[in-house]
C-alpha atoms as a PDB file:
ATOM      1  CA  MET A   1     -39.569  -8.230 -31.756  1.00  0.00           C
ATOM      2  CA  PRO A   2     -37.005  -9.902 -29.454  1.00  0.00           C
ATOM      3  CA  SER A   3     -38.148 -12.916 -27.489  1.00  0.00           C
ATOM      4  CA  PHE A   4     -38.389 -12.969 -23.715  1.00  0.00           C
ATOM      5  CA  THR A   5     -35.357 -15.309 -23.579  1.00  0.00           C
ATOM      6  CA  SER A   6     -33.299 -12.873 -25.681  1.00  0.00           C
ATOM      7  CA  ILE A   7     -34.183  -9.976 -23.384  1.00  0.00           C
ATOM      8  CA  VAL A   8     -33.243 -11.989 -20.277  1.00  0.00           C
ATOM      9  CA  ALA A   9     -29.901 -12.941 -21.871  1.00  0.00           C
ATOM     10  CA  ILE A  10     -29.137  -9.304 -22.756  1.00  0.00           C
ATOM     11  CA  VAL A  11     -30.032  -8.079 -19.253  1.00  0.00           C
ATOM     12  CA  ALA A  12     -27.861 -10.809 -17.698  1.00  0.00           C
ATOM     13  CA  ALA A  13     -24.920  -9.891 -19.947  1.00  0.00           C
ATOM     14  CA  LEU A  14     -25.266  -6.202 -19.066  1.00  0.00           C
ATOM     15  CA  SER A  15     -25.421  -7.031 -15.349  1.00  0.00           C
ATOM     16  CA  VAL A  16     -22.183  -9.003 -15.538  1.00  0.00           C
ATOM     17  CA  ALA A  17     -20.469  -6.312 -17.607  1.00  0.00           C
ATOM     18  CA  SER A  18     -21.482  -3.531 -15.234  1.00  0.00           C
ATOM     19  CA  ALA A  19     -20.563  -5.533 -12.113  1.00  0.00           C
ATOM     20  CA  SER A  20     -17.093  -6.536 -13.289  1.00  0.00           C
ATOM     21  CA  PRO A  21     -15.413  -3.140 -12.752  1.00  0.00           C
ATOM     22  CA  LEU A  22     -16.813  -3.025  -9.222  1.00  0.00           C
ATOM     23  CA  ALA A  23     -15.418  -6.457  -8.423  1.00  0.00           C
ATOM     24  CA  ALA A  24     -11.987  -5.434  -9.722  1.00  0.00           C
ATOM     25  CA  ARG A  25     -11.687  -2.291  -7.580  1.00  0.00           C
ATOM     26  CA  ASP A  26      -9.121  -2.237  -4.836  1.00  0.00           C
ATOM     27  CA  ALA A  27     -10.050  -2.036  -1.177  1.00  0.00           C
ATOM     28  CA  CYS A  28      -8.553   1.131   0.295  1.00  0.00           C
ATOM     29  CA  GLY A  29      -9.331   1.761   3.965  1.00  0.00           C
ATOM     30  CA  VAL A  30     -12.488  -0.354   4.090  1.00  0.00           C
ATOM     31  CA  ALA A  31     -13.505  -3.544   5.859  1.00  0.00           C
ATOM     32  CA  PRO A  32     -12.586  -6.638   3.845  1.00  0.00           C
ATOM     33  CA  THR A  33     -15.509  -8.587   2.371  1.00  0.00           C
ATOM     34  CA  GLY A  34     -14.232 -12.126   1.746  1.00  0.00           C
ATOM     35  CA  THR A  35     -15.725 -15.270   3.208  1.00  0.00           C
ATOM     36  CA  ALA A  36     -12.832 -17.763   3.417  1.00  0.00           C
ATOM     37  CA  THR A  37     -10.351 -17.658   6.290  1.00  0.00           C
ATOM     38  CA  GLN A  38      -6.864 -16.583   5.181  1.00  0.00           C
ATOM     39  CA  ALA A  39      -3.634 -16.941   7.133  1.00  0.00           C
ATOM     40  CA  PRO A  40      -1.423 -13.828   7.194  1.00  0.00           C
ATOM     41  CA  LEU A  41       2.014 -13.935   5.546  1.00  0.00           C
ATOM     42  CA  ALA A  42       3.348 -11.962   8.486  1.00  0.00           C
ATOM     43  CA  GLU A  43       2.216  -9.906  11.468  1.00  0.00           C
ATOM     44  CA  PRO A  44       5.016  -7.388  12.004  1.00  0.00           C
ATOM     45  CA  ALA A  45       5.187  -5.908  15.505  1.00  0.00           C
ATOM     46  CA  ASP A  46       5.651  -2.270  16.515  1.00  0.00           C
ATOM     47  CA  ILE A  47       4.141  -0.863  13.308  1.00  0.00           C
ATOM     48  CA  GLU A  48       2.644   2.520  14.185  1.00  0.00           C
ATOM     49  CA  THR A  49       0.825   3.529  10.973  1.00  0.00           C
ATOM     50  CA  ALA A  50      -0.956   1.950   8.021  1.00  0.00           C
ATOM     51  CA  ALA A  51       1.695   3.477   5.713  1.00  0.00           C
ATOM     52  CA  LEU A  52       4.474   1.701   7.618  1.00  0.00           C
ATOM     53  CA  CYS A  53       2.455  -1.526   7.464  1.00  0.00           C
ATOM     54  CA  MET A  54       2.145  -1.034   3.681  1.00  0.00           C
ATOM     55  CA  ALA A  55       5.920  -0.507   3.485  1.00  0.00           C
ATOM     56  CA  GLN A  56       6.360  -3.915   5.128  1.00  0.00           C
ATOM     57  CA  CYS A  57       4.023  -5.362   2.483  1.00  0.00           C
ATOM     58  CA  ALA A  58       5.942  -3.638  -0.314  1.00  0.00           C
ATOM     59  CA  ALA A  59       9.138  -5.315   0.877  1.00  0.00           C
ATOM     60  CA  LYS A  60       7.573  -8.754   0.235  1.00  0.00           C
ATOM     61  CA  SER A  61       7.045  -9.747  -3.393  1.00  0.00           C
ATOM     62  CA  ASP A  62       4.076 -11.992  -2.555  1.00  0.00           C
ATOM     63  CA  CYS A  63       2.160  -9.473  -0.411  1.00  0.00           C
ATOM     64  CA  GLU A  64      -1.092  -8.264  -2.007  1.00  0.00           C
ATOM     65  CA  CYS A  65      -2.834  -6.448   0.848  1.00  0.00           C
ATOM     66  CA  ILE A  66      -2.676  -5.418   4.482  1.00  0.00           C
ATOM     67  CA  LEU A  67      -5.109  -5.227   7.360  1.00  0.00           C
ATOM     68  CA  PHE A  68      -4.398  -2.444   9.843  1.00  0.00           C
ATOM     69  CA  GLY A  69      -6.035  -0.862  12.858  1.00  0.00           C
ATOM     70  CA  LEU A  70      -6.117  -0.467  16.617  1.00  0.00           C
ATOM     71  CA  VAL A  71      -7.372  -3.631  18.349  1.00  0.00           C
ATOM     72  CA  ASP A  72      -7.513  -3.718  22.159  1.00  0.00           C
ATOM     73  CA  ASN A  73      -5.337  -0.562  22.167  1.00  0.00           C
ATOM     74  CA  ILE A  74      -2.605  -2.342  20.172  1.00  0.00           C
ATOM     75  CA  ASN A  75      -1.638  -1.333  16.630  1.00  0.00           C
ATOM     76  CA  THR A  76      -2.190  -4.399  14.456  1.00  0.00           C
ATOM     77  CA  CYS A  77      -0.558  -4.946  11.058  1.00  0.00           C
ATOM     78  CA  GLU A  78      -1.236  -8.104   9.056  1.00  0.00           C
ATOM     79  CA  LEU A  79       0.170  -8.869   5.587  1.00  0.00           C
ATOM     80  CA  PHE A  80      -1.619 -11.199   3.147  1.00  0.00           C
ATOM     81  CA  SER A  81      -0.774 -12.929  -0.137  1.00  0.00           C
ATOM     82  CA  VAL A  82      -4.333 -12.480  -1.440  1.00  0.00           C
ATOM     83  CA  PRO A  83      -6.359  -9.365  -2.328  1.00  0.00           C
ATOM     84  CA  ALA A  84      -8.470  -7.814   0.418  1.00  0.00           C
ATOM     85  CA  SER A  85     -11.633  -9.058  -1.295  1.00  0.00           C
ATOM     86  CA  SER A  86     -10.560 -12.595  -0.295  1.00  0.00           C
ATOM     87  CA  ILE A  87     -10.242 -11.842   3.435  1.00  0.00           C
ATOM     88  CA  PRO A  88     -13.259 -11.986   5.764  1.00  0.00           C
ATOM     89  CA  PRO A  89     -14.054  -8.955   7.949  1.00  0.00           C
ATOM     90  CA  VAL A  90     -11.983  -8.596  11.122  1.00  0.00           C
ATOM     91  CA  THR A  91     -13.292  -6.373  13.913  1.00  0.00           C
ATOM     92  CA  GLY A  92     -11.257  -3.185  14.201  1.00  0.00           C
ATOM     93  CA  LEU A  93      -9.158  -3.698  11.059  1.00  0.00           C
ATOM     94  CA  VAL A  94      -9.480  -2.188   7.596  1.00  0.00           C
ATOM     95  CA  ALA A  95      -7.909  -3.402   4.372  1.00  0.00           C
ATOM     96  CA  TYR A  96      -5.592  -1.783   1.848  1.00  0.00           C
ATOM     97  CA  ASP A  97      -4.698  -3.530  -1.401  1.00  0.00           C
ATOM     98  CA  VAL A  98      -1.193  -2.800  -2.699  1.00  0.00           C
ATOM     99  CA  ALA A  99      -2.571  -0.488  -5.418  1.00  0.00           C
ATOM    100  CA  CYS A 100      -3.837   1.956  -2.769  1.00  0.00           C
ATOM    101  CA  THR A 101      -2.075   5.260  -2.364  1.00  0.00           C
ATOM    102  CA  ASN A 102      -2.400   7.895   0.358  1.00  0.00           C
ATOM    103  CA  VAL A 103      -2.417   5.187   2.998  1.00  0.00           C
ATOM    104  CA  PRO A 104      -2.702   6.982   6.376  1.00  0.00           C
ATOM    105  CA  THR A 105       0.529   8.048   8.019  1.00  0.00           C
ATOM    106  CA  THR A 106      -1.108   8.894  11.339  1.00  0.00           C
ATOM    107  CA  THR A 107      -1.057   6.669  14.405  1.00  0.00           C
ATOM    108  CA  PRO A 108      -4.475   5.222  15.271  1.00  0.00           C
ATOM    109  CA  THR A 109      -6.268   6.412  18.400  1.00  0.00           C
ATOM    110  CA  PRO A 110      -9.288   5.021  20.265  1.00  0.00           C
ATOM    111  CA  SER A 111     -11.439   7.704  18.601  1.00  0.00           C
ATOM    112  CA  ASN A 112      -9.930   6.966  15.147  1.00  0.00           C
ATOM    113  CA  PRO A 113      -8.838   3.297  15.373  1.00  0.00           C
ATOM    114  CA  ASN A 114      -8.219   2.899  11.635  1.00  0.00           C
ATOM    115  CA  SER A 115      -6.367   6.211  11.084  1.00  0.00           C
ATOM    116  CA  ALA A 116      -9.018   7.169   8.533  1.00  0.00           C
ATOM    117  CA  ASN A 117      -8.664  10.539   6.875  1.00  0.00           C
ATOM    118  CA  PRO A 118     -11.206  12.612   8.839  1.00  0.00           C
ATOM    119  CA  ALA A 119     -12.128  14.714   5.796  1.00  0.00           C
ATOM    120  CA  SER A 120     -13.164  11.784   3.631  1.00  0.00           C
ATOM    121  CA  GLY A 121     -13.846   9.044   6.144  1.00  0.00           C
ATOM    122  CA  LYS A 122     -11.640   6.795   4.040  1.00  0.00           C
ATOM    123  CA  GLY A 123      -8.081   5.751   4.698  1.00  0.00           C
ATOM    124  CA  GLY A 124      -6.734   5.864   1.174  1.00  0.00           C
ATOM    125  CA  LYS A 125      -7.532   5.894  -2.495  1.00  0.00           C
ATOM    126  CA  ARG A 126      -6.657   3.756  -5.463  1.00  0.00           C
ATOM    127  CA  ALA A 127      -3.377   4.594  -7.122  1.00  0.00           C
ATOM    128  CA  ALA A 128      -3.340   6.419 -10.417  1.00  0.00           C
ATOM    129  CA  PRO A 129      -1.400   4.750 -13.216  1.00  0.00           C
ATOM    130  CA  ALA A 130       2.304   5.015 -12.498  1.00  0.00           C
ATOM    131  CA  LYS A 131       4.378   7.640 -14.288  1.00  0.00           C
ATOM    132  CA  ALA A 132       7.930   6.860 -15.266  1.00  0.00           C
ATOM    133  CA  ASN A 133      10.673   8.761 -13.474  1.00  0.00           C
ATOM    134  CA  ASN A 134      12.711   9.354 -16.616  1.00  0.00           C
ATOM    135  CA  GLY A 135      14.785  12.359 -15.618  1.00  0.00           C
ATOM    136  CA  ASN A 136      12.790  14.903 -17.638  1.00  0.00           C
ATOM    137  CA  SER A 137      12.399  18.434 -16.359  1.00  0.00           C
ATOM    138  CA  GLY A 138      10.501  18.632 -13.113  1.00  0.00           C
ATOM    139  CA  THR A 139      12.334  15.641 -11.641  1.00  0.00           C
ATOM    140  CA  THR A 140      14.520  16.593  -8.699  1.00  0.00           C
ATOM    141  CA  GLN A 141      18.067  15.238  -8.651  1.00  0.00           C
ATOM    142  CA  PRO A 142      18.599  13.469  -5.309  1.00  0.00           C
ATOM    143  CA  PRO A 143      21.358  14.790  -3.060  1.00  0.00           C
ATOM    144  CA  VAL A 144      24.537  12.779  -2.534  1.00  0.00           C
ATOM    145  CA  VAL A 145      24.834  11.822   1.132  1.00  0.00           C
ATOM    146  CA  THR A 146      27.775  10.698   3.228  1.00  0.00           C
ATOM    147  CA  GLY A 147      27.933   8.796   6.486  1.00  0.00           C
ATOM    148  CA  ALA A 148      24.724   6.842   5.873  1.00  0.00           C
ATOM    149  CA  THR A 149      24.415   3.467   7.601  1.00  0.00           C
ATOM    150  CA  HIS A 150      21.632   0.926   7.922  1.00  0.00           C
ATOM    151  CA  ALA A 151      21.182   1.994  11.550  1.00  0.00           C
ATOM    152  CA  SER A 152      20.913   5.620  10.419  1.00  0.00           C
ATOM    153  CA  PRO A 153      19.739   5.754   6.774  1.00  0.00           C
ATOM    154  CA  LYS A 154      19.719   9.107   5.001  1.00  0.00           C
ATOM    155  CA  ASN A 155      17.530  10.640   2.310  1.00  0.00           C
ATOM    156  CA  GLY A 156      19.753  10.768  -0.779  1.00  0.00           C
ATOM    157  CA  ILE A 157      22.119   8.599  -2.806  1.00  0.00           C
ATOM    158  CA  PRO A 158      25.565   7.350  -1.695  1.00  0.00           C
ATOM    159  CA  LYS A 159      27.204   8.456  -4.972  1.00  0.00           C
ATOM    160  CA  THR A 160      26.131  10.144  -8.193  1.00  0.00           C
ATOM    161  CA  GLY A 161      24.754   7.772 -10.801  1.00  0.00           C
ATOM    162  CA  GLN A 162      24.429   4.810  -8.435  1.00  0.00           C
ATOM    163  CA  ALA A 163      21.729   2.330  -9.415  1.00  0.00           C
ATOM    164  CA  PRO A 164      19.143   1.548  -6.737  1.00  0.00           C
ATOM    165  CA  LEU A 165      19.334  -1.628  -4.688  1.00  0.00           C
ATOM    166  CA  ALA A 166      15.534  -1.931  -4.884  1.00  0.00           C
ATOM    167  CA  THR A 167      12.452   0.012  -5.934  1.00  0.00           C
ATOM    168  CA  PRO A 168       9.661  -1.167  -3.617  1.00  0.00           C
ATOM    169  CA  LYS A 169       6.121  -0.952  -4.969  1.00  0.00           C
ATOM    170  CA  ASN A 170       3.247   1.101  -3.583  1.00  0.00           C
ATOM    171  CA  ILE A 171       5.188   3.423  -1.317  1.00  0.00           C
ATOM    172  CA  ALA A 172       2.984   6.454  -0.730  1.00  0.00           C
ATOM    173  CA  ASN A 173       5.380   8.962   0.845  1.00  0.00           C
ATOM    174  CA  LEU A 174       8.858   9.683   2.188  1.00  0.00           C
ATOM    175  CA  ASN A 175       8.144   8.160   5.624  1.00  0.00           C
ATOM    176  CA  ALA A 176       6.984   4.897   4.054  1.00  0.00           C
ATOM    177  CA  CYS A 177      10.121   4.893   1.865  1.00  0.00           C
ATOM    178  CA  LEU A 178      12.264   5.310   5.003  1.00  0.00           C
ATOM    179  CA  ALA A 179      10.384   2.398   6.611  1.00  0.00           C
ATOM    180  CA  ALA A 180      11.060   0.260   3.528  1.00  0.00           C
ATOM    181  CA  CYS A 181      14.769   1.141   3.794  1.00  0.00           C
ATOM    182  CA  LYS A 182      14.833   0.176   7.467  1.00  0.00           C
ATOM    183  CA  GLY A 183      13.138  -3.089   6.509  1.00  0.00           C
ATOM    184  CA  ASN A 184      15.903  -3.971   4.008  1.00  0.00           C
ATOM    185  CA  PRO A 185      19.143  -4.963   5.797  1.00  0.00           C
ATOM    186  CA  SER A 186      21.317  -3.786   2.867  1.00  0.00           C
ATOM    187  CA  CYS A 187      19.759  -0.310   2.630  1.00  0.00           C
ATOM    188  CA  ILE A 188      21.689   2.741   3.872  1.00  0.00           C
ATOM    189  CA  SER A 189      19.913   5.514   1.942  1.00  0.00           C
ATOM    190  CA  TYR A 190      16.687   6.159   0.072  1.00  0.00           C
ATOM    191  CA  THR A 191      14.948   8.649  -2.206  1.00  0.00           C
ATOM    192  CA  PHE A 192      11.274   9.382  -2.837  1.00  0.00           C
ATOM    193  CA  ILE A 193      10.939  11.415  -6.030  1.00  0.00           C
ATOM    194  CA  SER A 194       7.897  11.755  -8.296  1.00  0.00           C
ATOM    195  CA  GLY A 195       6.099   9.037  -6.330  1.00  0.00           C
ATOM    196  CA  VAL A 196       8.935   6.497  -6.721  1.00  0.00           C
ATOM    197  CA  CYS A 197      10.856   5.103  -3.744  1.00  0.00           C
ATOM    198  CA  ASN A 198      14.413   3.906  -4.426  1.00  0.00           C
ATOM    199  CA  LEU A 199      16.626   2.158  -1.878  1.00  0.00           C
ATOM    200  CA  PHE A 200      20.424   2.243  -2.062  1.00  0.00           C
ATOM    201  CA  ALA A 201      23.222   0.120  -0.574  1.00  0.00           C
END
């Protein structure tokens, strides 16, 4: 028969093993839970949606999460170099780690200050493992565009076969891809195909 000490050790090991996956989950549209004060990498102005805030994060290689929401009737976007679990709660703001997808594309309102999806009550969900965009059937060939400029970027590629200037991470939709293009001074066009955003010069 196992000793009391052996049973306690087994229970402790099982507790740690079962808690680890919870600790590793990404925060997607929830209040952050950290305890140490963290300084934002940036606080971009005039960001209207959480998806556009995430696009700003995706343009920075050291950004790991965002806080977004309506505070005092002002849209607030903060970018951080740490995961959301390291940031303490901030009234009116919710967190999205970079692995989140379906980040809200709606503008916050006083009745919905975090742009949460009304059906689920959550702003986003964790991204599924990425699939390669390898040109197999089902992948749409992007259109070739002309007359694209940084001031007026277009959805498409400047010329057939052109390699992308950048492929920002964690872009959830076409609007966020456009925002990432506008955030890159060399970008004149963009594509969002099979969940992958590509920027072109």
